[in-house]
Amino acid sequence: MLVQSAVTTGKLRATLEPEAADVFMIAVPTPFTDGFKPDVSYIEAAVKKIAPVLVKGNLLILESTSPVGTTEKISQWVSEIRPDLSFPHQSGEQADIQIAHCPERVLPGYVIQELVSNDRVIGGLTPYCAEQAKLLYQLFVKAECIIIDARTAEMAKLTENSFRDVNIAFANELSIICDKLNINVWELIKLANRHPRVNILKPGPGVGGALYCSCPLVYS
């Protein structure tokens, strides 16, 4: 209903090609390759699509989960396509285009609620980049918008995912062990969670999603 309302009032529309705008947000998949390395080709492809329509004063934000250093790579990629503009890795806070990383933090099924209520970590390639991105997110985020550098923001998201990965894997391993020992895993977890500092998750079919390993790749 929200999407329908936005479309009928002209506030939302879809296009196959990027158009001029004040802000560009990249939120594309970053899957693993066969060698268990994150594939950032979707990010690079998005950057190449956006680059031709950039103008001085634009803000470019990456939301995709990505290896540490990806936001810096974006600045380099787009500068190769648009040598007529300056970018943070070249001109710092005087750059024509501001670039930041703000990883998404939403749960499927609760996207609208969590877009508003969850804290956001905003990492800029410069402090000014981060401040500009913060101004955007404060338009709809009621929680805290925390400014840091881009690398820390990238690592924060990887850390969050890795923490959940480990805890989901632990619950699933418990389920396998309990099955072999003829123990009710649900009852076991319920009992263990009565400890004030224990909160074991429910076993499931697997981790799922784009959760990286606990030692993510880092761009050099």
N, C-alpha and C. Protein backbone atom coordinates (compact mmCIF):
# COMPACT_ATOMS: atom_id res chain seq x y z
N MET A 1 0.82 -1.20 0.00
CA MET A 1 0.00 0.00 0.00
C MET A 1 0.87 1.27 0.00
N LEU A 2 1.97 1.22 0.77
CA LEU A 2 2.87 2.37 0.81
C LEU A 2 3.51 2.61 -0.55
N VAL A 3 3.93 1.51 -1.19
CA VAL A 3 4.54 1.63 -2.51
C VAL A 3 3.52 2.16 -3.52
N GLN A 4 2.31 1.63 -3.48
CA GLN A 4 1.26 2.07 -4.39
C GLN A 4 0.97 3.57 -4.23
N SER A 5 0.92 4.01 -2.97
CA SER A 5 0.66 5.41 -2.69
C SER A 5 1.78 6.30 -3.23
N ALA A 6 3.03 5.85 -3.02
CA ALA A 6 4.18 6.63 -3.49
C ALA A 6 4.21 6.72 -5.01
N VAL A 7 3.83 5.63 -5.67
CA VAL A 7 3.83 5.61 -7.13
C VAL A 7 2.71 6.50 -7.69
N THR A 8 1.51 6.37 -7.14
CA THR A 8 0.37 7.14 -7.66
C THR A 8 0.51 8.64 -7.41
N THR A 9 1.25 9.01 -6.38
CA THR A 9 1.46 10.44 -6.10
C THR A 9 2.70 10.99 -6.80
N GLY A 10 3.39 10.14 -7.56
CA GLY A 10 4.55 10.60 -8.31
C GLY A 10 5.83 10.70 -7.51
N LYS A 11 5.83 10.17 -6.27
CA LYS A 11 7.02 10.25 -5.42
C LYS A 11 7.99 9.10 -5.65
N LEU A 12 7.53 8.08 -6.36
CA LEU A 12 8.38 6.92 -6.64
C LEU A 12 8.14 6.43 -8.05
N ARG A 13 9.21 6.22 -8.78
CA ARG A 13 9.09 5.62 -10.10
C ARG A 13 10.38 4.86 -10.41
N ALA A 14 10.27 3.91 -11.30
CA ALA A 14 11.41 3.07 -11.66
C ALA A 14 11.90 3.40 -13.06
N THR A 15 13.21 3.35 -13.24
CA THR A 15 13.80 3.56 -14.56
C THR A 15 14.87 2.50 -14.78
N LEU A 16 15.20 2.26 -16.03
CA LEU A 16 16.24 1.30 -16.36
C LEU A 16 17.61 1.95 -16.47
N GLU A 17 17.63 3.28 -16.53
CA GLU A 17 18.89 4.01 -16.64
C GLU A 17 18.94 5.12 -15.59
N PRO A 18 20.11 5.37 -15.01
CA PRO A 18 20.26 6.44 -14.02
C PRO A 18 19.92 7.80 -14.63
N GLU A 19 19.34 8.67 -13.81
CA GLU A 19 19.00 10.02 -14.22
C GLU A 19 19.62 11.01 -13.25
N ALA A 20 19.68 12.26 -13.64
CA ALA A 20 20.25 13.30 -12.79
C ALA A 20 19.52 13.34 -11.45
N ALA A 21 20.26 13.49 -10.36
CA ALA A 21 19.69 13.54 -9.02
C ALA A 21 20.68 14.23 -8.09
N ASP A 22 20.24 14.52 -6.88
CA ASP A 22 21.12 15.11 -5.88
C ASP A 22 21.92 14.03 -5.16
N VAL A 23 21.27 12.87 -4.95
CA VAL A 23 21.89 11.77 -4.20
C VAL A 23 21.70 10.46 -4.96
N PHE A 24 22.74 9.65 -4.97
CA PHE A 24 22.68 8.31 -5.56
C PHE A 24 23.04 7.29 -4.48
N MET A 25 22.17 6.28 -4.32
CA MET A 25 22.41 5.24 -3.32
C MET A 25 22.57 3.90 -4.03
N ILE A 26 23.65 3.21 -3.75
CA ILE A 26 23.92 1.91 -4.35
C ILE A 26 23.59 0.82 -3.34
N ALA A 27 22.63 -0.04 -3.68
CA ALA A 27 22.25 -1.15 -2.82
C ALA A 27 22.07 -2.38 -3.71
N VAL A 28 23.17 -3.03 -4.02
CA VAL A 28 23.17 -4.17 -4.93
C VAL A 28 23.78 -5.38 -4.24
N PRO A 29 23.58 -6.59 -4.78
CA PRO A 29 24.13 -7.80 -4.15
C PRO A 29 25.66 -7.81 -4.18
N THR A 30 26.25 -8.44 -3.17
CA THR A 30 27.70 -8.69 -3.15
C THR A 30 27.90 -10.16 -2.78
N PRO A 31 27.57 -11.06 -3.69
CA PRO A 31 27.63 -12.51 -3.39
C PRO A 31 29.06 -13.02 -3.36
N PHE A 32 29.21 -14.25 -2.92
CA PHE A 32 30.51 -14.91 -2.98
C PHE A 32 30.74 -15.48 -4.37
N THR A 33 31.98 -15.50 -4.80
CA THR A 33 32.36 -16.21 -6.01
C THR A 33 32.61 -17.67 -5.63
N ASP A 34 32.95 -18.49 -6.61
CA ASP A 34 33.23 -19.90 -6.34
C ASP A 34 34.41 -20.08 -5.40
N GLY A 35 35.28 -19.10 -5.38
CA GLY A 35 36.44 -19.19 -4.50
C GLY A 35 36.19 -18.57 -3.14
N PHE A 36 34.92 -18.34 -2.80
CA PHE A 36 34.53 -17.76 -1.53
C PHE A 36 35.14 -16.37 -1.33
N LYS A 37 35.17 -15.62 -2.42
CA LYS A 37 35.58 -14.23 -2.35
C LYS A 37 34.38 -13.36 -2.70
N PRO A 38 34.21 -12.23 -2.00
CA PRO A 38 33.06 -11.36 -2.30
C PRO A 38 33.16 -10.77 -3.70
N ASP A 39 32.07 -10.82 -4.42
CA ASP A 39 32.01 -10.32 -5.79
C ASP A 39 31.47 -8.89 -5.77
N VAL A 40 32.33 -7.91 -6.02
CA VAL A 40 31.90 -6.51 -5.99
C VAL A 40 31.63 -5.97 -7.40
N SER A 41 31.50 -6.89 -8.36
CA SER A 41 31.28 -6.45 -9.75
C SER A 41 29.96 -5.72 -9.92
N TYR A 42 28.95 -6.06 -9.09
CA TYR A 42 27.66 -5.38 -9.17
C TYR A 42 27.80 -3.92 -8.72
N ILE A 43 28.63 -3.71 -7.71
CA ILE A 43 28.88 -2.34 -7.24
C ILE A 43 29.60 -1.55 -8.33
N GLU A 44 30.62 -2.17 -8.90
CA GLU A 44 31.39 -1.49 -9.95
C GLU A 44 30.50 -1.16 -11.15
N ALA A 45 29.61 -2.09 -11.51
CA ALA A 45 28.70 -1.86 -12.63
C ALA A 45 27.75 -0.70 -12.34
N ALA A 46 27.27 -0.62 -11.09
CA ALA A 46 26.38 0.47 -10.71
C ALA A 46 27.10 1.81 -10.78
N VAL A 47 28.35 1.82 -10.31
CA VAL A 47 29.15 3.05 -10.35
C VAL A 47 29.33 3.52 -11.79
N LYS A 48 29.61 2.59 -12.69
CA LYS A 48 29.83 2.94 -14.09
C LYS A 48 28.56 3.48 -14.74
N LYS A 49 27.40 3.00 -14.28
CA LYS A 49 26.12 3.49 -14.79
C LYS A 49 25.83 4.91 -14.29
N ILE A 50 26.17 5.15 -13.04
CA ILE A 50 25.87 6.44 -12.41
C ILE A 50 26.84 7.53 -12.86
N ALA A 51 28.09 7.18 -13.05
CA ALA A 51 29.15 8.16 -13.32
C ALA A 51 28.80 9.21 -14.39
N PRO A 52 28.23 8.83 -15.53
CA PRO A 52 27.97 9.82 -16.57
C PRO A 52 26.99 10.93 -16.19
N VAL A 53 26.12 10.68 -15.20
CA VAL A 53 25.11 11.69 -14.86
C VAL A 53 25.49 12.50 -13.61
N LEU A 54 26.66 12.25 -13.05
CA LEU A 54 27.09 12.99 -11.87
C LEU A 54 27.39 14.44 -12.21
N VAL A 55 27.06 15.33 -11.27
CA VAL A 55 27.41 16.74 -11.39
C VAL A 55 27.98 17.21 -10.07
N LYS A 56 28.68 18.31 -10.10
CA LYS A 56 29.29 18.85 -8.88
C LYS A 56 28.24 19.06 -7.80
N GLY A 57 28.55 18.58 -6.59
CA GLY A 57 27.63 18.71 -5.47
C GLY A 57 26.86 17.45 -5.16
N ASN A 58 26.99 16.44 -6.00
CA ASN A 58 26.27 15.18 -5.78
C ASN A 58 26.85 14.40 -4.60
N LEU A 59 25.99 13.58 -4.02
CA LEU A 59 26.38 12.68 -2.94
C LEU A 59 26.14 11.24 -3.41
N LEU A 60 27.15 10.39 -3.25
CA LEU A 60 27.08 8.99 -3.66
C LEU A 60 27.26 8.12 -2.42
N ILE A 61 26.25 7.27 -2.13
CA ILE A 61 26.27 6.45 -0.92
C ILE A 61 26.21 4.97 -1.28
N LEU A 62 27.09 4.19 -0.67
CA LEU A 62 27.07 2.74 -0.82
C LEU A 62 26.40 2.14 0.41
N GLU A 63 25.36 1.31 0.19
CA GLU A 63 24.69 0.62 1.30
C GLU A 63 24.99 -0.87 1.31
N SER A 64 25.54 -1.40 0.24
CA SER A 64 25.78 -2.84 0.15
C SER A 64 26.85 -3.30 1.14
N THR A 65 26.65 -4.50 1.70
CA THR A 65 27.69 -5.13 2.51
C THR A 65 28.89 -5.38 1.60
N SER A 66 30.07 -4.93 2.03
CA SER A 66 31.22 -4.99 1.12
C SER A 66 32.53 -5.08 1.89
N PRO A 67 33.58 -5.57 1.24
CA PRO A 67 34.89 -5.66 1.88
C PRO A 67 35.42 -4.28 2.27
N VAL A 68 36.23 -4.24 3.29
CA VAL A 68 36.83 -2.98 3.72
C VAL A 68 37.68 -2.41 2.59
N GLY A 69 37.45 -1.18 2.25
CA GLY A 69 38.17 -0.51 1.18
C GLY A 69 37.34 -0.32 -0.08
N THR A 70 36.13 -0.89 -0.11
CA THR A 70 35.30 -0.78 -1.31
C THR A 70 34.87 0.65 -1.59
N THR A 71 34.53 1.38 -0.54
CA THR A 71 34.10 2.78 -0.73
C THR A 71 35.22 3.61 -1.34
N GLU A 72 36.45 3.33 -0.94
CA GLU A 72 37.60 4.01 -1.53
C GLU A 72 37.74 3.63 -3.00
N LYS A 73 37.47 2.36 -3.31
CA LYS A 73 37.54 1.91 -4.69
C LYS A 73 36.51 2.64 -5.55
N ILE A 74 35.33 2.89 -5.00
CA ILE A 74 34.30 3.61 -5.73
C ILE A 74 34.81 4.98 -6.16
N SER A 75 35.48 5.67 -5.25
CA SER A 75 36.03 6.98 -5.56
C SER A 75 37.02 6.89 -6.72
N GLN A 76 37.84 5.85 -6.73
CA GLN A 76 38.82 5.66 -7.79
C GLN A 76 38.14 5.30 -9.11
N TRP A 77 37.18 4.37 -9.05
CA TRP A 77 36.49 3.94 -10.27
C TRP A 77 35.81 5.11 -10.98
N VAL A 78 35.07 5.89 -10.21
CA VAL A 78 34.30 6.97 -10.82
C VAL A 78 35.21 8.10 -11.30
N SER A 79 36.35 8.28 -10.67
CA SER A 79 37.28 9.33 -11.10
C SER A 79 37.90 8.99 -12.46
N GLU A 80 38.04 7.70 -12.74
CA GLU A 80 38.60 7.27 -14.03
C GLU A 80 37.62 7.55 -15.16
N ILE A 81 36.32 7.51 -14.84
CA ILE A 81 35.30 7.76 -15.85
C ILE A 81 35.01 9.24 -16.01
N ARG A 82 35.13 9.98 -14.89
CA ARG A 82 34.82 11.42 -14.90
C ARG A 82 36.02 12.25 -14.45
N PRO A 83 37.05 12.35 -15.28
CA PRO A 83 38.23 13.14 -14.91
C PRO A 83 37.92 14.64 -14.81
N ASP A 84 36.75 15.06 -15.29
CA ASP A 84 36.36 16.46 -15.22
C ASP A 84 35.88 16.85 -13.82
N LEU A 85 35.65 15.87 -12.95
CA LEU A 85 35.22 16.12 -11.58
C LEU A 85 36.30 15.68 -10.60
N SER A 86 36.27 16.23 -9.40
CA SER A 86 37.22 15.81 -8.37
C SER A 86 36.50 14.98 -7.32
N PHE A 87 37.27 14.05 -6.69
CA PHE A 87 36.69 13.09 -5.77
C PHE A 87 37.50 13.06 -4.46
N PRO A 88 36.92 12.50 -3.40
CA PRO A 88 37.55 12.57 -2.08
C PRO A 88 38.98 12.06 -2.01
N HIS A 89 39.30 11.00 -2.75
CA HIS A 89 40.67 10.46 -2.67
C HIS A 89 41.67 11.40 -3.35
N GLN A 90 41.16 12.36 -4.11
CA GLN A 90 42.02 13.32 -4.79
C GLN A 90 42.07 14.67 -4.07
N SER A 91 40.87 15.16 -3.70
CA SER A 91 40.76 16.53 -3.21
C SER A 91 40.23 16.65 -1.80
N GLY A 92 40.06 15.54 -1.11
CA GLY A 92 39.59 15.60 0.27
C GLY A 92 38.24 16.27 0.39
N GLU A 93 38.11 17.17 1.34
CA GLU A 93 36.82 17.82 1.60
C GLU A 93 36.45 18.84 0.53
N GLN A 94 37.37 19.15 -0.35
CA GLN A 94 37.08 20.09 -1.44
C GLN A 94 36.59 19.38 -2.70
N ALA A 95 36.37 18.09 -2.61
CA ALA A 95 35.96 17.31 -3.77
C ALA A 95 34.61 17.75 -4.31
N ASP A 96 34.43 17.61 -5.62
CA ASP A 96 33.14 17.94 -6.24
C ASP A 96 32.05 16.95 -5.85
N ILE A 97 32.43 15.68 -5.69
CA ILE A 97 31.49 14.61 -5.36
C ILE A 97 31.82 14.04 -3.99
N GLN A 98 30.80 13.92 -3.14
CA GLN A 98 30.99 13.37 -1.80
C GLN A 98 30.58 11.88 -1.81
N ILE A 99 31.36 11.06 -1.14
CA ILE A 99 31.12 9.61 -1.15
C ILE A 99 31.14 9.06 0.28
N ALA A 100 30.15 8.21 0.60
CA ALA A 100 30.06 7.65 1.94
C ALA A 100 29.52 6.22 1.89
N HIS A 101 29.71 5.52 3.00
CA HIS A 101 29.16 4.17 3.15
C HIS A 101 28.24 4.13 4.36
N CYS A 102 27.00 3.70 4.14
CA CYS A 102 26.03 3.56 5.23
C CYS A 102 25.34 2.21 5.08
N PRO A 103 25.88 1.17 5.70
CA PRO A 103 25.32 -0.18 5.52
C PRO A 103 23.89 -0.28 6.01
N GLU A 104 23.07 -1.00 5.25
CA GLU A 104 21.66 -1.17 5.65
C GLU A 104 21.60 -2.04 6.90
N ARG A 105 20.55 -1.79 7.69
CA ARG A 105 20.36 -2.53 8.94
C ARG A 105 18.88 -2.86 9.12
N VAL A 106 18.30 -3.54 8.17
CA VAL A 106 16.87 -3.81 8.25
C VAL A 106 16.60 -5.31 8.19
N LEU A 107 15.51 -5.72 8.82
CA LEU A 107 15.08 -7.11 8.81
C LEU A 107 13.94 -7.28 7.81
N PRO A 108 14.07 -8.20 6.88
CA PRO A 108 12.97 -8.44 5.93
C PRO A 108 11.65 -8.65 6.66
N GLY A 109 10.62 -7.97 6.20
CA GLY A 109 9.34 -8.03 6.86
C GLY A 109 9.09 -6.86 7.78
N TYR A 110 10.20 -6.18 8.16
CA TYR A 110 10.10 -5.02 9.05
C TYR A 110 10.90 -3.85 8.48
N VAL A 111 11.03 -3.81 7.17
CA VAL A 111 11.92 -2.84 6.52
C VAL A 111 11.52 -1.40 6.84
N ILE A 112 10.25 -1.06 6.65
CA ILE A 112 9.82 0.32 6.87
C ILE A 112 10.02 0.74 8.31
N GLN A 113 9.65 -0.14 9.24
CA GLN A 113 9.81 0.16 10.66
C GLN A 113 11.28 0.37 11.03
N GLU A 114 12.14 -0.54 10.56
CA GLU A 114 13.54 -0.48 10.96
C GLU A 114 14.32 0.59 10.21
N LEU A 115 13.87 0.99 9.03
CA LEU A 115 14.50 2.13 8.35
C LEU A 115 14.44 3.37 9.22
N VAL A 116 13.37 3.48 9.98
CA VAL A 116 13.14 4.66 10.83
C VAL A 116 13.75 4.49 12.22
N SER A 117 13.61 3.29 12.79
CA SER A 117 13.94 3.11 14.21
C SER A 117 15.36 2.64 14.51
N ASN A 118 16.06 2.12 13.53
CA ASN A 118 17.41 1.59 13.78
C ASN A 118 18.47 2.69 13.69
N ASP A 119 19.47 2.60 14.58
CA ASP A 119 20.63 3.48 14.47
C ASP A 119 21.32 3.23 13.14
N ARG A 120 21.93 4.25 12.58
CA ARG A 120 22.69 4.08 11.33
C ARG A 120 24.14 4.50 11.54
N VAL A 121 25.03 3.69 11.00
CA VAL A 121 26.47 3.97 11.01
C VAL A 121 26.82 4.58 9.67
N ILE A 122 27.36 5.79 9.69
CA ILE A 122 27.65 6.52 8.45
C ILE A 122 29.14 6.81 8.35
N GLY A 123 29.78 6.18 7.37
CA GLY A 123 31.21 6.35 7.20
C GLY A 123 31.54 7.12 5.94
N GLY A 124 32.16 8.25 6.08
CA GLY A 124 32.52 9.05 4.93
C GLY A 124 33.98 8.90 4.55
N LEU A 125 34.29 9.16 3.29
CA LEU A 125 35.71 9.18 2.88
C LEU A 125 36.40 10.40 3.47
N THR A 126 35.60 11.40 3.83
CA THR A 126 36.08 12.56 4.58
C THR A 126 35.01 12.89 5.61
N PRO A 127 35.33 13.66 6.65
CA PRO A 127 34.30 14.07 7.60
C PRO A 127 33.15 14.82 6.93
N TYR A 128 33.46 15.62 5.90
CA TYR A 128 32.40 16.36 5.20
C TYR A 128 31.47 15.41 4.45
N CYS A 129 32.05 14.37 3.85
CA CYS A 129 31.23 13.35 3.17
C CYS A 129 30.24 12.74 4.16
N ALA A 130 30.74 12.39 5.35
CA ALA A 130 29.89 11.78 6.37
C ALA A 130 28.80 12.73 6.83
N GLU A 131 29.14 13.98 7.00
CA GLU A 131 28.16 14.98 7.44
C GLU A 131 27.05 15.16 6.41
N GLN A 132 27.42 15.17 5.14
CA GLN A 132 26.42 15.32 4.08
C GLN A 132 25.49 14.11 4.04
N ALA A 133 26.05 12.92 4.22
CA ALA A 133 25.22 11.73 4.24
C ALA A 133 24.32 11.72 5.47
N LYS A 134 24.83 12.17 6.58
CA LYS A 134 24.03 12.22 7.81
C LYS A 134 22.81 13.13 7.64
N LEU A 135 22.99 14.25 6.96
CA LEU A 135 21.86 15.16 6.72
C LEU A 135 20.75 14.46 5.95
N LEU A 136 21.14 13.59 5.02
CA LEU A 136 20.14 12.84 4.24
C LEU A 136 19.39 11.86 5.12
N TYR A 137 20.12 11.05 5.88
CA TYR A 137 19.47 10.01 6.69
C TYR A 137 18.63 10.59 7.82
N GLN A 138 19.02 11.76 8.30
CA GLN A 138 18.23 12.37 9.37
C GLN A 138 16.86 12.84 8.89
N LEU A 139 16.63 12.82 7.58
CA LEU A 139 15.31 13.18 7.06
C LEU A 139 14.27 12.13 7.42
N PHE A 140 14.72 10.88 7.62
CA PHE A 140 13.74 9.82 7.92
C PHE A 140 14.14 8.92 9.09
N VAL A 141 15.38 8.94 9.52
CA VAL A 141 15.82 8.10 10.64
C VAL A 141 15.59 8.84 11.97
N LYS A 142 14.80 8.23 12.84
CA LYS A 142 14.53 8.83 14.15
C LYS A 142 15.56 8.40 15.19
N ALA A 143 16.28 7.33 14.90
CA ALA A 143 17.33 6.86 15.80
C ALA A 143 18.61 7.68 15.58
N GLU A 144 19.69 7.24 16.19
CA GLU A 144 20.95 8.00 16.11
C GLU A 144 21.70 7.69 14.82
N CYS A 145 22.24 8.72 14.20
CA CYS A 145 23.11 8.58 13.03
C CYS A 145 24.54 8.85 13.49
N ILE A 146 25.35 7.80 13.48
CA ILE A 146 26.70 7.88 14.05
C ILE A 146 27.73 8.04 12.94
N ILE A 147 28.52 9.09 13.03
CA ILE A 147 29.52 9.39 12.01
C ILE A 147 30.87 8.77 12.36
N ILE A 148 31.42 8.04 11.37
CA ILE A 148 32.76 7.47 11.50
C ILE A 148 33.42 7.53 10.12
N ASP A 149 34.58 6.88 9.97
CA ASP A 149 35.21 6.82 8.65
C ASP A 149 34.65 5.63 7.87
N ALA A 150 34.83 5.63 6.56
CA ALA A 150 34.23 4.62 5.70
C ALA A 150 34.72 3.21 6.02
N ARG A 151 36.00 3.06 6.29
CA ARG A 151 36.54 1.72 6.57
C ARG A 151 35.92 1.12 7.83
N THR A 152 35.75 1.96 8.85
CA THR A 152 35.15 1.46 10.09
C THR A 152 33.69 1.08 9.86
N ALA A 153 32.99 1.86 9.03
CA ALA A 153 31.59 1.54 8.72
C ALA A 153 31.50 0.21 7.99
N GLU A 154 32.40 -0.01 7.04
CA GLU A 154 32.41 -1.29 6.31
C GLU A 154 32.69 -2.45 7.26
N MET A 155 33.66 -2.27 8.15
CA MET A 155 34.02 -3.33 9.09
C MET A 155 32.92 -3.55 10.12
N ALA A 156 32.21 -2.49 10.47
CA ALA A 156 31.10 -2.62 11.44
C ALA A 156 30.04 -3.56 10.89
N LYS A 157 29.68 -3.38 9.62
CA LYS A 157 28.67 -4.24 9.01
C LYS A 157 29.14 -5.69 8.93
N LEU A 158 30.39 -5.88 8.55
CA LEU A 158 30.94 -7.24 8.48
C LEU A 158 30.98 -7.88 9.86
N THR A 159 31.26 -7.08 10.88
CA THR A 159 31.30 -7.58 12.25
C THR A 159 29.91 -7.99 12.71
N GLU A 160 28.92 -7.16 12.41
CA GLU A 160 27.53 -7.48 12.77
C GLU A 160 27.10 -8.80 12.12
N ASN A 161 27.39 -8.93 10.84
CA ASN A 161 27.01 -10.14 10.11
C ASN A 161 27.74 -11.37 10.64
N SER A 162 29.03 -11.20 10.93
CA SER A 162 29.82 -12.33 11.43
C SER A 162 29.34 -12.78 12.80
N PHE A 163 28.95 -11.82 13.63
CA PHE A 163 28.44 -12.16 14.96
C PHE A 163 27.17 -13.00 14.84
N ARG A 164 26.28 -12.59 13.95
CA ARG A 164 25.04 -13.35 13.75
C ARG A 164 25.34 -14.71 13.11
N ASP A 165 26.28 -14.73 12.20
CA ASP A 165 26.68 -15.98 11.55
C ASP A 165 27.13 -17.00 12.59
N VAL A 166 28.02 -16.57 13.48
CA VAL A 166 28.55 -17.46 14.51
C VAL A 166 27.44 -17.97 15.43
N ASN A 167 26.54 -17.07 15.82
CA ASN A 167 25.47 -17.46 16.75
C ASN A 167 24.42 -18.37 16.10
N ILE A 168 24.12 -18.12 14.83
CA ILE A 168 23.21 -19.01 14.10
C ILE A 168 23.85 -20.38 13.93
N ALA A 169 25.14 -20.39 13.58
CA ALA A 169 25.85 -21.67 13.41
C ALA A 169 25.90 -22.45 14.72
N PHE A 170 26.06 -21.74 15.83
CA PHE A 170 26.10 -22.40 17.14
C PHE A 170 24.77 -23.09 17.45
N ALA A 171 23.68 -22.37 17.19
CA ALA A 171 22.35 -22.94 17.43
C ALA A 171 22.12 -24.17 16.55
N ASN A 172 22.54 -24.09 15.30
CA ASN A 172 22.37 -25.22 14.38
C ASN A 172 23.24 -26.42 14.79
N GLU A 173 24.43 -26.13 15.28
CA GLU A 173 25.30 -27.21 15.75
C GLU A 173 24.70 -27.90 16.97
N LEU A 174 24.11 -27.10 17.86
CA LEU A 174 23.43 -27.67 19.02
C LEU A 174 22.33 -28.63 18.58
N SER A 175 21.58 -28.21 17.56
CA SER A 175 20.49 -29.03 17.06
C SER A 175 20.99 -30.38 16.56
N ILE A 176 22.11 -30.37 15.85
CA ILE A 176 22.69 -31.61 15.32
C ILE A 176 23.14 -32.53 16.46
N ILE A 177 23.80 -31.93 17.47
CA ILE A 177 24.29 -32.72 18.61
C ILE A 177 23.12 -33.32 19.40
N CYS A 178 22.10 -32.47 19.64
CA CYS A 178 20.94 -32.94 20.40
C CYS A 178 20.20 -34.05 19.67
N ASP A 179 20.15 -33.96 18.35
CA ASP A 179 19.49 -35.00 17.57
C ASP A 179 20.20 -36.34 17.75
N LYS A 180 21.52 -36.31 17.78
CA LYS A 180 22.31 -37.54 17.95
C LYS A 180 22.18 -38.10 19.36
N LEU A 181 21.97 -37.21 20.34
CA LEU A 181 21.89 -37.63 21.74
C LEU A 181 20.46 -37.83 22.21
N ASN A 182 19.50 -37.67 21.27
CA ASN A 182 18.09 -37.84 21.61
C ASN A 182 17.65 -36.85 22.69
N ILE A 183 18.06 -35.59 22.53
CA ILE A 183 17.70 -34.51 23.45
C ILE A 183 16.85 -33.51 22.69
N ASN A 184 15.82 -32.98 23.32
CA ASN A 184 14.96 -31.96 22.72
C ASN A 184 15.70 -30.63 22.70
N VAL A 185 16.17 -30.20 21.52
CA VAL A 185 16.98 -28.99 21.43
C VAL A 185 16.20 -27.75 21.84
N TRP A 186 14.89 -27.72 21.56
CA TRP A 186 14.08 -26.55 21.91
C TRP A 186 13.99 -26.38 23.42
N GLU A 187 13.81 -27.52 24.10
CA GLU A 187 13.75 -27.47 25.56
C GLU A 187 15.12 -27.09 26.13
N LEU A 188 16.18 -27.62 25.53
CA LEU A 188 17.53 -27.32 25.98
C LEU A 188 17.82 -25.82 25.87
N ILE A 189 17.50 -25.24 24.72
CA ILE A 189 17.77 -23.82 24.51
C ILE A 189 16.93 -22.96 25.46
N LYS A 190 15.69 -23.37 25.66
CA LYS A 190 14.81 -22.64 26.58
C LYS A 190 15.40 -22.64 27.99
N LEU A 191 15.94 -23.78 28.40
CA LEU A 191 16.55 -23.88 29.73
C LEU A 191 17.83 -23.05 29.81
N ALA A 192 18.67 -23.16 28.78
CA ALA A 192 19.94 -22.42 28.78
C ALA A 192 19.69 -20.91 28.78
N ASN A 193 18.66 -20.48 28.08
CA ASN A 193 18.37 -19.04 27.99
C ASN A 193 17.80 -18.47 29.28
N ARG A 194 17.54 -19.32 30.26
CA ARG A 194 17.13 -18.81 31.57
C ARG A 194 18.31 -18.20 32.32
N HIS A 195 19.52 -18.51 31.84
CA HIS A 195 20.71 -17.85 32.40
C HIS A 195 20.67 -16.39 31.99
N PRO A 196 20.95 -15.47 32.90
CA PRO A 196 20.81 -14.02 32.59
C PRO A 196 21.74 -13.51 31.50
N ARG A 197 22.79 -14.25 31.18
CA ARG A 197 23.73 -13.77 30.17
C ARG A 197 23.82 -14.72 28.98
N VAL A 198 22.80 -15.53 28.76
CA VAL A 198 22.77 -16.45 27.64
C VAL A 198 21.53 -16.16 26.79
N ASN A 199 21.73 -16.09 25.49
CA ASN A 199 20.61 -15.86 24.57
C ASN A 199 20.87 -16.62 23.27
N ILE A 200 20.65 -17.93 23.31
CA ILE A 200 20.88 -18.78 22.14
C ILE A 200 19.74 -18.60 21.15
N LEU A 201 20.06 -18.49 19.89
CA LEU A 201 19.06 -18.32 18.85
C LEU A 201 18.38 -19.66 18.54
N LYS A 202 17.32 -19.60 17.76
CA LYS A 202 16.61 -20.81 17.36
C LYS A 202 17.30 -21.45 16.16
N PRO A 203 17.45 -22.76 16.14
CA PRO A 203 18.03 -23.44 14.97
C PRO A 203 17.17 -23.22 13.73
N GLY A 204 17.80 -23.24 12.57
CA GLY A 204 17.07 -23.04 11.33
C GLY A 204 17.77 -23.73 10.18
N PRO A 205 17.36 -23.42 8.95
CA PRO A 205 17.92 -24.09 7.78
C PRO A 205 19.34 -23.64 7.44
N GLY A 206 19.82 -22.57 8.05
CA GLY A 206 21.17 -22.08 7.75
C GLY A 206 21.25 -20.59 7.94
N VAL A 207 22.42 -20.05 7.65
CA VAL A 207 22.66 -18.63 7.85
C VAL A 207 21.87 -17.82 6.82
N GLY A 208 22.10 -18.08 5.54
CA GLY A 208 21.38 -17.36 4.49
C GLY A 208 21.88 -15.93 4.34
N GLY A 209 21.48 -15.30 3.23
CA GLY A 209 21.85 -13.90 3.00
C GLY A 209 23.31 -13.73 2.68
N ALA A 210 23.73 -12.48 2.60
CA ALA A 210 25.11 -12.16 2.24
C ALA A 210 25.94 -11.95 3.49
N LEU A 211 26.03 -12.97 4.35
CA LEU A 211 26.82 -12.88 5.57
C LEU A 211 28.23 -13.36 5.28
N TYR A 212 29.20 -12.47 5.48
CA TYR A 212 30.59 -12.81 5.20
C TYR A 212 31.21 -13.58 6.36
N CYS A 213 32.31 -14.20 6.07
CA CYS A 213 33.03 -14.92 7.11
C CYS A 213 33.60 -13.91 8.10
N SER A 214 34.13 -14.42 9.22
CA SER A 214 34.60 -13.53 10.28
C SER A 214 35.92 -12.84 9.90
N CYS A 215 36.51 -13.22 8.79
CA CYS A 215 37.74 -12.57 8.34
C CYS A 215 37.53 -12.07 6.92
N PRO A 216 36.83 -10.93 6.76
CA PRO A 216 36.48 -10.45 5.44
C PRO A 216 37.68 -9.98 4.64
N LEU A 217 37.54 -10.03 3.34
CA LEU A 217 38.60 -9.53 2.48
C LEU A 217 38.74 -8.03 2.62
N VAL A 218 39.95 -7.58 2.50
CA VAL A 218 40.24 -6.15 2.61
C VAL A 218 40.97 -5.72 1.37
N TYR A 219 40.50 -4.64 0.76
CA TYR A 219 41.21 -4.09 -0.39
C TYR A 219 42.51 -3.47 0.08
N SER A 220 43.59 -3.73 -0.65
CA SER A 220 44.87 -3.12 -0.29
C SER A 220 45.02 -1.79 -1.02
